[in-house]
Amino acid sequence: RDSDVHLVGFPNVVLHDLCCGITSVLAPVDQADVSNVDAMRYADVAERSGVTVVSGSPALLASFVRGADAPLPGVRLVLTGGGPVPIDLLADL
């Protein structure tokens, strides 16, 4: 949607968002090690930016879910891919 704010886990997705007129926020993660996400910082960026869509690899999202205290408010859609997505991760998301 034009009104979406997308917290992007894959930096190259920003190009797609630009073409679609969607606001992008780059996730505050070390792309070389997405298994160690600072969940509180990630959640803070999402909340302050008004994020409605989150995307990232299963490893990134699993790392966030492990460290998260609460769900991200305002998020209506979570997208993941680029690797196997365990059923437990889907349930946690």
Protein backbone atom coordinates (compact mmCIF):
# COMPACT_ATOMS: atom_id res chain seq x y z
CA ARG A 1 0.00 0.00 0.00
CA ASP A 2 1.11 3.56 -0.63
CA SER A 3 0.69 4.32 3.06
CA ASP A 4 2.92 1.45 4.22
CA VAL A 5 6.21 1.91 6.01
CA HIS A 6 8.42 -1.10 5.36
CA LEU A 7 11.12 -2.21 7.80
CA VAL A 8 13.46 -3.85 5.31
CA GLY A 9 15.69 -6.75 6.29
CA PHE A 10 17.11 -7.18 2.78
CA PRO A 11 18.67 -3.85 1.67
CA ASN A 12 18.07 -4.58 -2.02
CA VAL A 13 14.30 -4.57 -1.36
CA VAL A 14 14.53 -0.79 -0.94
CA LEU A 15 14.78 -0.53 -4.75
CA HIS A 16 11.42 -2.28 -5.12
CA ASP A 17 9.86 -0.03 -2.49
CA LEU A 18 11.20 3.08 -4.25
CA CYS A 19 9.60 1.95 -7.52
CA CYS A 20 6.28 1.40 -5.72
CA GLY A 21 6.37 4.64 -3.75
CA ILE A 22 6.59 2.84 -0.40
CA THR A 23 8.57 4.33 2.47
CA SER A 24 11.46 2.10 3.54
CA VAL A 25 13.36 1.91 6.80
CA LEU A 26 16.54 -0.15 6.85
CA ALA A 27 16.57 -2.58 9.75
CA PRO A 28 19.28 -1.76 12.30
CA VAL A 29 21.12 -5.05 11.88
CA ASP A 30 24.58 -6.22 10.92
CA GLN A 31 23.92 -7.87 7.55
CA ALA A 32 26.96 -10.09 8.07
CA ASP A 33 25.41 -11.57 11.25
CA VAL A 34 21.62 -11.34 11.32
CA SER A 35 21.46 -13.98 14.04
CA ASN A 36 22.37 -11.38 16.70
CA VAL A 37 19.68 -8.73 16.32
CA ASP A 38 19.32 -6.18 19.12
CA ALA A 39 15.58 -6.81 19.48
CA MET A 40 14.91 -3.74 21.61
CA ARG A 41 16.63 -1.43 19.10
CA TYR A 42 14.83 -3.15 16.21
CA ALA A 43 11.46 -2.72 17.94
CA ASP A 44 12.23 0.90 18.83
CA VAL A 45 13.08 1.78 15.22
CA ALA A 46 9.91 0.04 14.03
CA GLU A 47 7.70 1.86 16.52
CA ARG A 48 9.26 5.31 16.03
CA SER A 49 9.03 4.94 12.24
CA GLY A 50 5.39 3.79 12.19
CA VAL A 51 6.28 0.51 10.50
CA THR A 52 3.37 -1.46 9.00
CA VAL A 53 5.32 -4.10 7.05
CA VAL A 54 8.36 -6.08 8.20
CA SER A 55 10.50 -8.29 5.98
CA GLY A 56 13.66 -10.26 6.51
CA SER A 57 15.31 -13.62 6.40
CA PRO A 58 14.09 -16.36 8.72
CA ALA A 59 17.35 -16.00 10.69
CA LEU A 60 16.83 -12.26 11.20
CA LEU A 61 13.20 -12.63 12.25
CA ALA A 62 13.97 -15.59 14.54
CA SER A 63 16.67 -13.53 16.24
CA PHE A 64 14.21 -10.66 16.72
CA VAL A 65 11.46 -12.94 18.06
CA ARG A 66 13.86 -14.53 20.59
CA GLY A 67 14.72 -11.14 22.06
CA ALA A 68 11.38 -9.36 21.73
CA ASP A 69 9.31 -8.52 24.78
CA ALA A 70 6.13 -7.74 22.84
CA PRO A 71 4.78 -7.68 19.31
CA LEU A 72 5.46 -4.73 17.05
CA PRO A 73 2.49 -2.36 17.24
CA GLY A 74 0.99 -1.35 13.92
CA VAL A 75 2.53 -4.17 11.88
CA ARG A 76 -0.05 -5.68 9.55
CA LEU A 77 2.21 -7.89 7.43
CA VAL A 78 5.40 -9.90 7.95
CA LEU A 79 7.28 -11.29 4.95
CA THR A 80 10.10 -13.79 5.12
CA GLY A 81 12.07 -15.92 2.72
CA GLY A 82 15.51 -16.71 1.44
CA GLY A 83 15.75 -19.88 3.47
CA PRO A 84 13.69 -22.53 5.21
CA VAL A 85 11.03 -21.09 7.51
CA PRO A 86 10.47 -23.32 10.54
CA ILE A 87 6.85 -23.82 11.57
CA ASP A 88 7.75 -22.65 15.11
CA LEU A 89 8.95 -19.33 13.71
CA LEU A 90 5.67 -18.87 11.85
CA ALA A 91 3.75 -19.51 15.06
CA ASP A 92 5.94 -17.06 17.00
CA LEU A 93 5.56 -14.36 14.34
